[in-house]
C-alpha atoms as a PDB file:
ATOM      1  CA  MET A   1     -30.873 -97.330 112.750  1.00  0.00           C
ATOM      2  CA  ILE A   2     -32.558 -98.932 109.815  1.00  0.00           C
ATOM      3  CA  ILE A   3     -30.107-101.869 110.119  1.00  0.00           C
ATOM      4  CA  GLY A   4     -30.878-102.228 113.789  1.00  0.00           C
ATOM      5  CA  MET A   5     -34.629-102.342 113.141  1.00  0.00           C
ATOM      6  CA  ALA A   6     -34.131-105.082 110.555  1.00  0.00           C
ATOM      7  CA  LEU A   7     -32.416-107.161 113.178  1.00  0.00           C
ATOM      8  CA  VAL A   8     -35.287-107.026 115.655  1.00  0.00           C
ATOM      9  CA  CYS A   9     -38.264-106.658 113.245  1.00  0.00           C
ATOM     10  CA  PRO A  10     -38.204-109.500 110.676  1.00  0.00           C
ATOM     11  CA  VAL A  11     -39.591-108.831 107.212  1.00  0.00           C
ATOM     12  CA  HIS A  12     -41.085-112.075 105.961  1.00  0.00           C
ATOM     13  CA  ALA A  13     -41.668-112.993 102.264  1.00  0.00           C
ATOM     14  CA  GLN A  14     -44.004-110.405 100.775  1.00  0.00           C
ATOM     15  CA  TRP A  15     -47.032-111.512  98.882  1.00  0.00           C
ATOM     16  CA  TRP A  16     -48.919-109.668  96.200  1.00  0.00           C
ATOM     17  CA  PRO A  17     -52.792-109.681  96.302  1.00  0.00           C
ATOM     18  CA  SER A  18     -52.745-112.443  93.583  1.00  0.00           C
ATOM     19  CA  GLY A  19     -50.796-114.630  95.905  1.00  0.00           C
ATOM     20  CA  GLU A  20     -47.438-114.182  94.039  1.00  0.00           C
ATOM     21  CA  VAL A  21     -44.336-114.023  96.159  1.00  0.00           C
ATOM     22  CA  LYS A  22     -42.226-110.812  95.882  1.00  0.00           C
ATOM     23  CA  LEU A  23     -38.520-111.760  95.433  1.00  0.00           C
ATOM     24  CA  PRO A  24     -36.160-110.122  97.898  1.00  0.00           C
ATOM     25  CA  ASP A  25     -33.488-107.534  97.428  1.00  0.00           C
ATOM     26  CA  PRO A  26     -29.955-108.429  98.773  1.00  0.00           C
ATOM     27  CA  VAL A  27     -30.472-106.676 102.134  1.00  0.00           C
ATOM     28  CA  THR A  28     -33.876-108.338 102.825  1.00  0.00           C
ATOM     29  CA  PHE A  29     -32.431-111.728 101.794  1.00  0.00           C
ATOM     30  CA  ALA A  30     -29.448-111.393 104.153  1.00  0.00           C
ATOM     31  CA  ASN A  31     -31.625-110.383 107.014  1.00  0.00           C
ATOM     32  CA  GLN A  32     -34.078-113.190 106.624  1.00  0.00           C
ATOM     33  CA  MET A  33     -31.472-115.888 106.047  1.00  0.00           C
ATOM     34  CA  GLU A  34     -29.404-114.775 109.085  1.00  0.00           C
ATOM     35  CA  LEU A  35     -32.572-115.023 111.185  1.00  0.00           C
ATOM     36  CA  GLY A  36     -33.018-118.606 109.861  1.00  0.00           C
ATOM     37  CA  GLU A  37     -36.329-118.103 108.027  1.00  0.00           C
ATOM     38  CA  VAL A  38     -36.279-121.467 106.109  1.00  0.00           C
ATOM     39  CA  LYS A  39     -39.933-121.285 105.154  1.00  0.00           C
ATOM     40  CA  THR A  40     -39.402-117.856 103.644  1.00  0.00           C
ATOM     41  CA  ALA A  41     -36.348-119.111 101.760  1.00  0.00           C
ATOM     42  CA  ALA A  42     -38.376-122.010 100.368  1.00  0.00           C
ATOM     43  CA  ALA A  43     -41.162-119.586  99.176  1.00  0.00           C
ATOM     44  CA  TRP A  44     -38.575-117.439  97.426  1.00  0.00           C
ATOM     45  CA  LEU A  45     -36.974-120.430  95.728  1.00  0.00           C
ATOM     46  CA  ASP A  46     -40.363-121.723  94.675  1.00  0.00           C
ATOM     47  CA  ALA A  47     -41.050-118.314  93.172  1.00  0.00           C
ATOM     48  CA  GLY A  48     -37.855-118.376  91.047  1.00  0.00           C
ATOM     49  CA  LEU A  49     -35.066-117.075  93.301  1.00  0.00           C
ATOM     50  CA  PRO A  50     -31.757-118.479  92.026  1.00  0.00           C
ATOM     51  CA  PRO A  51     -30.282-120.942  94.548  1.00  0.00           C
ATOM     52  CA  ASP A  52     -26.897-119.015  94.518  1.00  0.00           C
ATOM     53  CA  PHE A  53     -28.460-115.614  95.009  1.00  0.00           C
ATOM     54  CA  MET A  54     -26.073-113.427  96.952  1.00  0.00           C
ATOM     55  CA  GLY A  55     -27.150-111.333  99.984  1.00  0.00           C
ATOM     56  CA  SER A  56     -25.635-108.019 100.958  1.00  0.00           C
ATOM     57  CA  ARG A  57     -23.665-109.705 103.691  1.00  0.00           C
ATOM     58  CA  ILE A  58     -21.834-112.965 103.938  1.00  0.00           C
ATOM     59  CA  GLY A  59     -23.051-114.363 100.638  1.00  0.00           C
ATOM     60  CA  SER A  60     -25.482-117.031  99.329  1.00  0.00           C
ATOM     61  CA  GLY A  61     -28.154-118.798 101.370  1.00  0.00           C
ATOM     62  CA  LEU A  62     -25.886-121.819 101.664  1.00  0.00           C
ATOM     63  CA  MET A  63     -23.004-119.688 102.913  1.00  0.00           C
ATOM     64  CA  ILE A  64     -25.239-117.903 105.434  1.00  0.00           C
ATOM     65  CA  GLY A  65     -26.481-121.403 106.631  1.00  0.00           C
ATOM     66  CA  ALA A  66     -22.805-122.389 107.099  1.00  0.00           C
ATOM     67  CA  TRP A  67     -22.034-119.221 109.011  1.00  0.00           C
ATOM     68  CA  GLU A  68     -24.923-119.682 111.292  1.00  0.00           C
ATOM     69  CA  GLY A  69     -24.527-123.472 111.624  1.00  0.00           C
ATOM     70  CA  ASN A  70     -28.079-123.867 110.203  1.00  0.00           C
ATOM     71  CA  ILE A  71     -27.965-127.262 108.508  1.00  0.00           C
ATOM     72  CA  GLU A  72     -31.650-127.163 107.610  1.00  0.00           C
ATOM     73  CA  LEU A  73     -31.068-123.923 105.613  1.00  0.00           C
ATOM     74  CA  MET A  74     -28.064-125.483 103.945  1.00  0.00           C
ATOM     75  CA  ARG A  75     -29.998-128.589 103.048  1.00  0.00           C
ATOM     76  CA  LEU A  76     -32.732-126.545 101.389  1.00  0.00           C
ATOM     77  CA  PHE A  77     -30.330-124.551  99.177  1.00  0.00           C
ATOM     78  CA  ILE A  78     -28.304-127.684  98.219  1.00  0.00           C
ATOM     79  CA  SER A  79     -31.513-129.464  97.330  1.00  0.00           C
ATOM     80  CA  ARG A  80     -32.374-126.550  95.007  1.00  0.00           C
ATOM     81  CA  GLY A  81     -29.042-126.791  93.151  1.00  0.00           C
ATOM     82  CA  ALA A  82     -26.810-124.336  95.114  1.00  0.00           C
ATOM     83  CA  ASP A  83     -23.078-124.694  94.251  1.00  0.00           C
ATOM     84  CA  ILE A  84     -21.351-126.189  97.404  1.00  0.00           C
ATOM     85  CA  ASN A  85     -18.005-124.705  96.409  1.00  0.00           C
ATOM     86  CA  LEU A  86     -19.183-121.247  95.266  1.00  0.00           C
ATOM     87  CA  ARG A  87     -17.130-118.359  96.723  1.00  0.00           C
ATOM     88  CA  ASN A  88     -18.383-114.883  97.699  1.00  0.00           C
ATOM     89  CA  ALA A  89     -16.854-111.626  96.582  1.00  0.00           C
ATOM     90  CA  SER A  90     -14.122-112.171  99.258  1.00  0.00           C
ATOM     91  CA  GLY A  91     -13.148-115.576  97.961  1.00  0.00           C
ATOM     92  CA  GLU A  92     -14.877-117.361 100.933  1.00  0.00           C
ATOM     93  CA  SER A  93     -16.635-120.725 100.465  1.00  0.00           C
ATOM     94  CA  ALA A  94     -19.400-122.033 102.718  1.00  0.00           C
ATOM     95  CA  LEU A  95     -16.815-124.385 104.287  1.00  0.00           C
ATOM     96  CA  ALA A  96     -14.459-121.497 105.134  1.00  0.00           C
ATOM     97  CA  LEU A  97     -17.236-119.497 106.722  1.00  0.00           C
ATOM     98  CA  ALA A  98     -18.237-122.568 108.872  1.00  0.00           C
ATOM     99  CA  ALA A  99     -14.662-122.999 109.877  1.00  0.00           C
ATOM    100  CA  TRP A 100     -14.264-119.399 110.895  1.00  0.00           C
ATOM    101  CA  ARG A 101     -17.385-119.582 113.178  1.00  0.00           C
ATOM    102  CA  GLY A 102     -16.316-123.000 114.577  1.00  0.00           C
ATOM    103  CA  GLN A 103     -19.464-124.605 113.206  1.00  0.00           C
ATOM    104  CA  LYS A 104     -18.053-128.138 113.176  1.00  0.00           C
ATOM    105  CA  ALA A 105     -21.329-129.890 112.426  1.00  0.00           C
ATOM    106  CA  ALA A 106     -21.891-127.669 109.445  1.00  0.00           C
ATOM    107  CA  ALA A 107     -18.298-128.222 108.270  1.00  0.00           C
ATOM    108  CA  GLN A 108     -18.736-131.991 108.518  1.00  0.00           C
ATOM    109  CA  TRP A 109     -22.052-131.799 106.647  1.00  0.00           C
ATOM    110  CA  LEU A 110     -20.410-129.881 103.837  1.00  0.00           C
ATOM    111  CA  ILE A 111     -17.319-132.024 103.540  1.00  0.00           C
ATOM    112  CA  GLU A 112     -19.464-135.235 103.431  1.00  0.00           C
ATOM    113  CA  ARG A 113     -21.259-133.636 100.406  1.00  0.00           C
ATOM    114  CA  GLY A 114     -18.148-132.803  98.549  1.00  0.00           C
ATOM    115  CA  ALA A 115     -17.048-129.372  99.762  1.00  0.00           C
ATOM    116  CA  ARG A 116     -13.414-128.750  98.887  1.00  0.00           C
ATOM    117  CA  ILE A 117     -11.172-128.578 101.905  1.00  0.00           C
ATOM    118  CA  ASN A 118      -8.320-126.717 100.321  1.00  0.00           C
ATOM    119  CA  ALA A 119      -8.429-123.407  98.550  1.00  0.00           C
ATOM    120  CA  PRO A 120      -6.534-122.546  95.349  1.00  0.00           C
ATOM    121  CA  ASP A 121      -2.918-121.238  95.778  1.00  0.00           C
ATOM    122  CA  LYS A 122      -2.660-117.838  97.390  1.00  0.00           C
ATOM    123  CA  HIS A 123      -6.202-117.791  98.677  1.00  0.00           C
ATOM    124  CA  TRP A 124      -7.554-117.913 102.209  1.00  0.00           C
ATOM    125  CA  SER A 125      -8.288-121.562 103.156  1.00  0.00           C
ATOM    126  CA  PRO A 126     -10.832-122.959 105.655  1.00  0.00           C
ATOM    127  CA  LEU A 127      -7.755-123.956 107.813  1.00  0.00           C
ATOM    128  CA  HIS A 128      -6.702-120.228 107.899  1.00  0.00           C
ATOM    129  CA  TYR A 129     -10.191-119.268 109.100  1.00  0.00           C
ATOM    130  CA  ALA A 130     -10.338-122.028 111.720  1.00  0.00           C
ATOM    131  CA  VAL A 131      -6.960-120.871 113.123  1.00  0.00           C
ATOM    132  CA  PHE A 132      -7.959-117.230 112.932  1.00  0.00           C
ATOM    133  CA  GLY A 133     -11.007-118.029 115.062  1.00  0.00           C
ATOM    134  CA  GLY A 134      -8.963-120.060 117.561  1.00  0.00           C
ATOM    135  CA  HIS A 135     -11.110-123.227 117.038  1.00  0.00           C
ATOM    136  CA  GLU A 136      -8.789-126.098 117.997  1.00  0.00           C
ATOM    137  CA  SER A 137     -11.265-128.940 117.408  1.00  0.00           C
ATOM    138  CA  MET A 138     -12.101-127.460 113.921  1.00  0.00           C
ATOM    139  CA  VAL A 139      -8.386-127.226 113.162  1.00  0.00           C
ATOM    140  CA  ASP A 140      -7.869-130.921 114.227  1.00  0.00           C
ATOM    141  CA  TYR A 141     -10.879-131.994 112.042  1.00  0.00           C
ATOM    142  CA  LEU A 142      -9.764-130.135 108.956  1.00  0.00           C
ATOM    143  CA  LEU A 143      -6.187-131.452 109.307  1.00  0.00           C
ATOM    144  CA  GLU A 144      -7.569-134.991 109.670  1.00  0.00           C
ATOM    145  CA  GLN A 145      -9.571-134.424 106.422  1.00  0.00           C
ATOM    146  CA  GLY A 146      -6.455-133.372 104.526  1.00  0.00           C
ATOM    147  CA  ALA A 147      -6.260-129.630 104.928  1.00  0.00           C
ATOM    148  CA  ASP A 148      -2.956-128.219 103.722  1.00  0.00           C
ATOM    149  CA  ILE A 149      -0.927-127.077 106.744  1.00  0.00           C
ATOM    150  CA  GLU A 150       1.172-124.906 104.489  1.00  0.00           C
ATOM    151  CA  ALA A 151      -1.648-123.085 102.725  1.00  0.00           C
ATOM    152  CA  ARG A 152      -0.937-119.395 101.947  1.00  0.00           C
ATOM    153  CA  THR A 153      -3.247-116.368 102.020  1.00  0.00           C
ATOM    154  CA  THR A 154      -3.366-113.803  99.207  1.00  0.00           C
ATOM    155  CA  ASN A 155      -0.148-112.209 100.465  1.00  0.00           C
ATOM    156  CA  GLY A 156       1.581-115.465 101.130  1.00  0.00           C
ATOM    157  CA  SER A 157       1.041-115.625 104.946  1.00  0.00           C
ATOM    158  CA  SER A 158       0.978-119.207 106.338  1.00  0.00           C
ATOM    159  CA  VAL A 159      -1.530-120.903 108.661  1.00  0.00           C
ATOM    160  CA  LEU A 160       1.164-120.867 111.448  1.00  0.00           C
ATOM    161  CA  MET A 161       1.679-117.080 110.910  1.00  0.00           C
ATOM    162  CA  MET A 162      -2.070-116.604 111.392  1.00  0.00           C
ATOM    163  CA  ALA A 163      -1.961-118.418 114.628  1.00  0.00           C
ATOM    164  CA  VAL A 164       0.940-116.192 115.759  1.00  0.00           C
ATOM    165  CA  TYR A 165      -0.795-113.025 114.587  1.00  0.00           C
ATOM    166  CA  GLU A 166      -3.801-113.835 116.680  1.00  0.00           C
ATOM    167  CA  GLY A 167      -1.715-114.931 119.672  1.00  0.00           C
ATOM    168  CA  HIS A 168      -3.264-118.440 119.790  1.00  0.00           C
ATOM    169  CA  GLN A 169      -0.443-120.248 121.696  1.00  0.00           C
ATOM    170  CA  PRO A 170      -2.005-123.668 121.843  1.00  0.00           C
ATOM    171  CA  LEU A 171      -2.652-123.612 118.095  1.00  0.00           C
ATOM    172  CA  VAL A 172       0.926-122.403 117.375  1.00  0.00           C
ATOM    173  CA  ARG A 173       2.274-125.362 119.394  1.00  0.00           C
ATOM    174  CA  LYS A 174      -0.141-127.781 117.642  1.00  0.00           C
ATOM    175  CA  LEU A 175       0.790-126.603 114.186  1.00  0.00           C
ATOM    176  CA  ILE A 176       4.542-126.838 114.925  1.00  0.00           C
ATOM    177  CA  GLU A 177       4.011-130.418 116.323  1.00  0.00           C
ATOM    178  CA  LYS A 178       2.132-131.237 113.070  1.00  0.00           C
ATOM    179  CA  GLY A 179       5.216-130.125 111.022  1.00  0.00           C
ATOM    180  CA  ALA A 180       4.254-126.596 109.962  1.00  0.00           C
ATOM    181  CA  ARG A 181       7.263-124.738 108.606  1.00  0.00           C
ATOM    182  CA  ARG A 182       8.533-121.972 110.804  1.00  0.00           C
ATOM    183  CA  ASP A 183      10.802-120.193 108.305  1.00  0.00           C
ATOM    184  CA  VAL A 184       8.084-118.966 105.868  1.00  0.00           C
ATOM    185  CA  SER A 185       8.008-115.201 104.878  1.00  0.00           C
ATOM    186  CA  ASN A 186       5.089-113.536 103.207  1.00  0.00           C
ATOM    187  CA  ASP A 187       5.136-110.956 100.372  1.00  0.00           C
ATOM    188  CA  TRP A 188       5.816-108.173 102.891  1.00  0.00           C
ATOM    189  CA  GLY A 189       8.969-109.925 104.052  1.00  0.00           C
ATOM    190  CA  ASP A 190       7.406-110.873 107.407  1.00  0.00           C
ATOM    191  CA  GLY A 191       7.372-114.274 109.036  1.00  0.00           C
ATOM    192  CA  ALA A 192       6.031-115.855 112.235  1.00  0.00           C
ATOM    193  CA  LEU A 193       9.081-114.714 114.216  1.00  0.00           C
ATOM    194  CA  GLU A 194       8.713-111.173 113.079  1.00  0.00           C
ATOM    195  CA  TRP A 195       5.039-111.042 114.061  1.00  0.00           C
ATOM    196  CA  ALA A 196       5.718-112.571 117.505  1.00  0.00           C
ATOM    197  CA  MET A 197       8.549-110.089 118.212  1.00  0.00           C
ATOM    198  CA  ARG A 198       6.506-107.177 116.864  1.00  0.00           C
ATOM    199  CA  ASN A 199       3.784-107.891 119.353  1.00  0.00           C
ATOM    200  CA  ASN A 200       6.414-108.581 122.108  1.00  0.00           C
ATOM    201  CA  ASN A 201       5.080-112.194 122.487  1.00  0.00           C
ATOM    202  CA  LEU A 202       8.372-113.731 123.605  1.00  0.00           C
ATOM    203  CA  GLY A 203       6.699-117.009 124.486  1.00  0.00           C
ATOM    204  CA  LEU A 204       5.634-117.513 120.937  1.00  0.00           C
ATOM    205  CA  ALA A 205       8.969-116.229 119.619  1.00  0.00           C
ATOM    206  CA  ARG A 206      10.734-118.907 121.692  1.00  0.00           C
ATOM    207  CA  MET A 207       8.498-121.621 120.319  1.00  0.00           C
ATOM    208  CA  ILE A 208       9.138-120.562 116.747  1.00  0.00           C
ATOM    209  CA  ALA A 209      12.916-119.870 116.779  1.00  0.00           C
ATOM    210  CA  SER A 210      15.905-121.920 117.569  1.00  0.00           C
ATOM    211  CA  PRO A 211      17.709-120.830 120.808  1.00  0.00           C
ATOM    212  CA  GLU A 212      20.325-119.074 118.710  1.00  0.00           C
ATOM    213  CA  GLU A 213      17.703-117.232 116.609  1.00  0.00           C
ATOM    214  CA  PHE A 214      15.810-116.325 119.709  1.00  0.00           C
ATOM    215  CA  ASN A 215      18.863-114.785 121.405  1.00  0.00           C
ATOM    216  CA  ILE A 216      19.640-112.727 118.302  1.00  0.00           C
ATOM    217  CA  ALA A 217      15.972-111.578 118.067  1.00  0.00           C
ATOM    218  CA  VAL A 218      15.755-110.413 121.718  1.00  0.00           C
ATOM    219  CA  SER A 219      19.036-108.569 121.480  1.00  0.00           C
ATOM    220  CA  LYS A 220      17.571-106.262 118.798  1.00  0.00           C
ATOM    221  CA  PRO A 221      15.926-103.025 119.877  1.00  0.00           C
ATOM    222  CA  ARG A 222      12.198-103.594 120.335  1.00  0.00           C
ATOM    223  CA  GLU A 223      11.289-100.751 118.015  1.00  0.00           C
ATOM    224  CA  SER A 224      13.198-102.431 115.148  1.00  0.00           C
ATOM    225  CA  TRP A 225      10.424-104.973 114.794  1.00  0.00           C
ATOM    226  CA  GLY A 226       7.808-102.299 113.900  1.00  0.00           C
ATOM    227  CA  THR A 227       4.625-101.164 115.508  1.00  0.00           C
ATOM    228  CA  PRO A 228       2.412-103.893 117.083  1.00  0.00           C
ATOM    229  CA  GLN A 229      -0.825-104.488 115.193  1.00  0.00           C
ATOM    230  CA  GLY A 230      -3.820-106.111 116.799  1.00  0.00           C
ATOM    231  CA  SER A 231      -6.448-107.643 114.460  1.00  0.00           C
ATOM    232  CA  LEU A 232      -9.471-105.677 115.858  1.00  0.00           C
ATOM    233  CA  THR A 233      -9.129-102.566 113.647  1.00  0.00           C
ATOM    234  CA  MET A 234     -11.939-100.071 113.977  1.00  0.00           C
ATOM    235  CA  SER A 235     -14.113 -98.863 111.053  1.00  0.00           C
ATOM    236  CA  LYS A 236     -17.197 -96.659 110.868  1.00  0.00           C
ATOM    237  CA  GLU A 237     -19.359 -99.796 110.235  1.00  0.00           C
ATOM    238  CA  LEU A 238     -17.869-101.666 113.242  1.00  0.00           C
ATOM    239  CA  ALA A 239     -18.229 -98.549 115.539  1.00  0.00           C
ATOM    240  CA  ALA A 240     -21.879 -98.313 114.531  1.00  0.00           C
ATOM    241  CA  LEU A 241     -22.426-101.969 115.221  1.00  0.00           C
ATOM    242  CA  LEU A 242     -20.801-101.762 118.614  1.00  0.00           C
ATOM    243  CA  ASP A 243     -22.928 -98.761 119.452  1.00  0.00           C
ATOM    244  CA  MET A 244     -26.087-100.569 118.407  1.00  0.00           C
ATOM    245  CA  ARG A 245     -25.035-103.642 120.463  1.00  0.00           C
ATOM    246  CA  LYS A 246     -24.632-101.390 123.510  1.00  0.00           C
ATOM    247  CA  THR A 247     -28.140 -99.975 123.015  1.00  0.00           C
ATOM    248  CA  LEU A 248     -29.631-103.424 122.678  1.00  0.00           C
ATOM    249  CA  ALA A 249     -27.841-104.602 125.803  1.00  0.00           C
ATOM    250  CA  GLU A 250     -29.089-101.645 127.768  1.00  0.00           C
ATOM    251  CA  ARG A 251     -32.639-102.468 126.771  1.00  0.00           C
ATOM    252  CA  ASN A 252     -32.135-106.113 127.776  1.00  0.00           C
ATOM    253  CA  MET A 253     -32.718-107.199 124.170  1.00  0.00           C
ATOM    254  CA  SER A 254     -30.913-110.085 122.480  1.00  0.00           C
ATOM    255  CA  THR A 255     -27.597-109.216 120.935  1.00  0.00           C
ATOM    256  CA  GLU A 256     -27.114-112.486 119.216  1.00  0.00           C
ATOM    257  CA  ALA A 257     -27.866-111.221 115.671  1.00  0.00           C
ATOM    258  CA  ILE A 258     -25.689-108.059 116.122  1.00  0.00           C
ATOM    259  CA  ASP A 259     -22.794-110.166 117.503  1.00  0.00           C
ATOM    260  CA  ARG A 260     -22.863-112.115 114.246  1.00  0.00           C
ATOM    261  CA  ARG A 261     -22.605-108.801 112.270  1.00  0.00           C
ATOM    262  CA  ILE A 262     -19.772-107.694 114.459  1.00  0.00           C
ATOM    263  CA  ALA A 263     -17.922-110.916 113.846  1.00  0.00           C
ATOM    264  CA  ALA A 264     -18.382-110.546 110.134  1.00  0.00           C
ATOM    265  CA  GLU A 265     -17.187-106.963 110.039  1.00  0.00           C
ATOM    266  CA  ARG A 266     -14.143-107.948 112.157  1.00  0.00           C
ATOM    267  CA  VAL A 267     -13.020-110.641 109.747  1.00  0.00           C
ATOM    268  CA  ARG A 268     -13.653-108.260 106.843  1.00  0.00           C
ATOM    269  CA  LEU A 269     -11.218-105.789 108.360  1.00  0.00           C
ATOM    270  CA  VAL A 270      -8.521-108.388 108.919  1.00  0.00           C
ATOM    271  CA  ARG A 271      -8.965-109.619 105.423  1.00  0.00           C
ATOM    272  CA  GLU A 272      -8.640-106.074 104.155  1.00  0.00           C
ATOM    273  CA  ARG A 273      -5.318-105.709 106.016  1.00  0.00           C
ATOM    274  CA  PHE A 274      -3.899-109.004 104.718  1.00  0.00           C
ATOM    275  CA  ASP A 275      -5.103-108.665 101.147  1.00  0.00           C
ATOM    276  CA  ARG A 276      -3.468-105.274 100.547  1.00  0.00           C
ATOM    277  CA  PRO A 277      -0.289-105.231  98.437  1.00  0.00           C
ATOM    278  CA  GLY A 278       3.035-105.614 100.288  1.00  0.00           C
ATOM    279  CA  PRO A 279       5.392-102.729 100.682  1.00  0.00           C
ATOM    280  CA  GLN A 280       7.676-101.713  97.813  1.00  0.00           C
ATOM    281  CA  ARG A 281      11.209-102.897  98.085  1.00  0.00           C
ATOM    282  CA  ALA A 282      14.138-100.574  97.894  1.00  0.00           C
ATOM    283  CA  ALA A 283      16.981-101.731  95.577  1.00  0.00           C
ATOM    284  CA  THR A 284      20.648-101.013  95.499  1.00  0.00           C
ATOM    285  CA  LEU A 285      22.614-101.689  92.288  1.00  0.00           C
ATOM    286  CA  GLU A 286      26.198-102.742  93.001  1.00  0.00           C
ATOM    287  CA  VAL A 287      28.659-102.825  90.097  1.00  0.00           C
ATOM    288  CA  THR A 288      32.056-104.441  90.479  1.00  0.00           C
ATOM    289  CA  ALA A 289      34.899-104.209  87.956  1.00  0.00           C
ATOM    290  CA  SER A 290      38.634-104.069  87.548  1.00  0.00           C
ATOM    291  CA  ARG A 291      40.547-101.409  85.683  1.00  0.00           C
ATOM    292  CA  ASN A 292      42.877-104.053  84.230  1.00  0.00           C
ATOM    293  CA  ALA A 293      40.143-106.491  83.308  1.00  0.00           C
ATOM    294  CA  PRO A 294      36.962-104.588  82.375  1.00  0.00           C
ATOM    295  CA  GLU A 295      35.457-107.682  80.702  1.00  0.00           C
ATOM    296  CA  GLN A 296      35.162-109.212  84.229  1.00  0.00           C
ATOM    297  CA  GLN A 297      32.648-106.570  85.316  1.00  0.00           C
ATOM    298  CA  SER A 298      29.641-107.927  87.153  1.00  0.00           C
ATOM    299  CA  VAL A 299      26.458-106.500  88.475  1.00  0.00           C
ATOM    300  CA  ARG A 300      24.215-107.541  91.404  1.00  0.00           C
ATOM    301  CA  VAL A 301      20.883-106.017  92.596  1.00  0.00           C
ATOM    302  CA  ILE A 302      20.290-106.044  96.405  1.00  0.00           C
ATOM    303  CA  ARG A 303      16.660-105.691  97.310  1.00  0.00           C
ATOM    304  CA  LYS A 304      15.484-104.898 100.839  1.00  0.00           C
ATOM    305  CA  SER A 305      12.015-104.816 102.150  1.00  0.00           C
ATOM    306  CA  VAL A 306      10.904-101.403 103.374  1.00  0.00           C
ATOM    307  CA  ALA A 307       9.190-103.126 106.334  1.00  0.00           C
ATOM    308  CA  ASP A 308      12.211-105.107 107.324  1.00  0.00           C
ATOM    309  CA  THR A 309      15.527-103.811 106.046  1.00  0.00           C
ATOM    310  CA  SER A 310      17.351-106.651 107.928  1.00  0.00           C
ATOM    311  CA  GLN A 311      16.208-109.115 105.227  1.00  0.00           C
ATOM    312  CA  GLU A 312      18.335-109.065 102.126  1.00  0.00           C
ATOM    313  CA  LYS A 313      17.893-110.950  98.784  1.00  0.00           C
ATOM    314  CA  GLN A 314      20.528-110.772  96.055  1.00  0.00           C
ATOM    315  CA  PHE A 315      19.786-111.127  92.362  1.00  0.00           C
ATOM    316  CA  LYS A 316      22.809-111.658  90.092  1.00  0.00           C
ATOM    317  CA  ALA A 317      22.992-110.119  86.660  1.00  0.00           C
ATOM    318  CA  PRO A 318      25.109-111.454  83.762  1.00  0.00           C
ATOM    319  CA  PRO A 319      28.757-110.300  83.451  1.00  0.00           C
ATOM    320  CA  ALA A 320      29.318-107.196  81.223  1.00  0.00           C
ATOM    321  CA  THR A 321      30.718-109.366  78.424  1.00  0.00           C
ATOM    322  CA  TYR A 322      27.164-110.716  77.930  1.00  0.00           C
ATOM    323  CA  PHE A 323      26.169-107.294  76.639  1.00  0.00           C
ATOM    324  CA  GLY A 324      29.460-106.578  74.825  1.00  0.00           C
ATOM    325  CA  THR A 325      32.716-104.863  75.920  1.00  0.00           C
ATOM    326  CA  PRO A 326      32.098-101.519  77.496  1.00  0.00           C
ATOM    327  CA  LYS A 327      33.527 -98.547  75.707  1.00  0.00           C
ATOM    328  CA  MET A 328      34.899 -97.000  78.922  1.00  0.00           C
ATOM    329  CA  PRO A 329      35.882 -98.972  82.061  1.00  0.00           C
ATOM    330  CA  PRO A 330      34.613 -97.777  85.369  1.00  0.00           C
ATOM    331  CA  LYS A 331      36.951 -95.340  87.220  1.00  0.00           C
ATOM    332  CA  ALA A 332      36.722 -97.198  90.524  1.00  0.00           C
ATOM    333  CA  PRO A 333      36.949-100.888  91.553  1.00  0.00           C
ATOM    334  CA  LEU A 334      33.600-100.643  93.318  1.00  0.00           C
ATOM    335  CA  ARG A 335      30.603 -98.335  92.903  1.00  0.00           C
ATOM    336  CA  ASN A 336      27.256 -98.296  94.652  1.00  0.00           C
ATOM    337  CA  TYR A 337      24.244 -96.615  93.172  1.00  0.00           C
END
């Protein structure tokens, strides 16, 4: 309930009797910046607050301004030396946050001032966030500005896979038309087709696969693709926010601030799912040899994803002669371990 009161009862910059401004803690900072208190931010900065000070949610003042589409707030922090490409604890830049909220004017403002469009390898990019949010005009703008259509998340998921995961059919079509690869698999062994089939979205599956691949896919038992997974996972924090929103709505109070908190928690939950390590892979060691020619013995390791045992990758090992002639030849032509 304390959080709820903070949303409807702003706490402005506190002043000591001497006129000195009391600098905020991360929670107070986040509350005031999300409410757009530019004058309060200026007073804090004048009193010595670092321009890249991180709030308890979202991140720095610049990041919060991008999330809210508050260019005046962004301008203030940039003028005081804020790092335009700084990332929060989740690896999100101000541009990525603007892209996720569909704040196109804020994104343009940032890019014009040097914000990097592409993230480092295996990081969530602004384009991933724009696709996740379903913002077609933002996606178009980022691609026009040079966004990497083949960018990968921390677990190797592509932008196209993100569009499929969220069920954004127009964006799936757009990305395919722009040349996005359809055969990419992430670290879990999943690809766009697997996600489409897992969620029984045959329309997307048909768009992704060739006619031959699609026919093979639909002939498999539905349960073989795994359990459908929607992106709106529940957490204690999200449940509390939804209850709080319901209370505010019943009292005919504005839900705008709480809606932003719900959006932030939702993306945190999806990030948590995608950033976790992939499943371990089972391995089969296959040794092949001949009784008459033991020096021709060879070994191969077959690895299969636990999540998708239909996918197989083979790793060849050197012949036995590389390690020297074995003392005893195998008793059978073929052995599986």
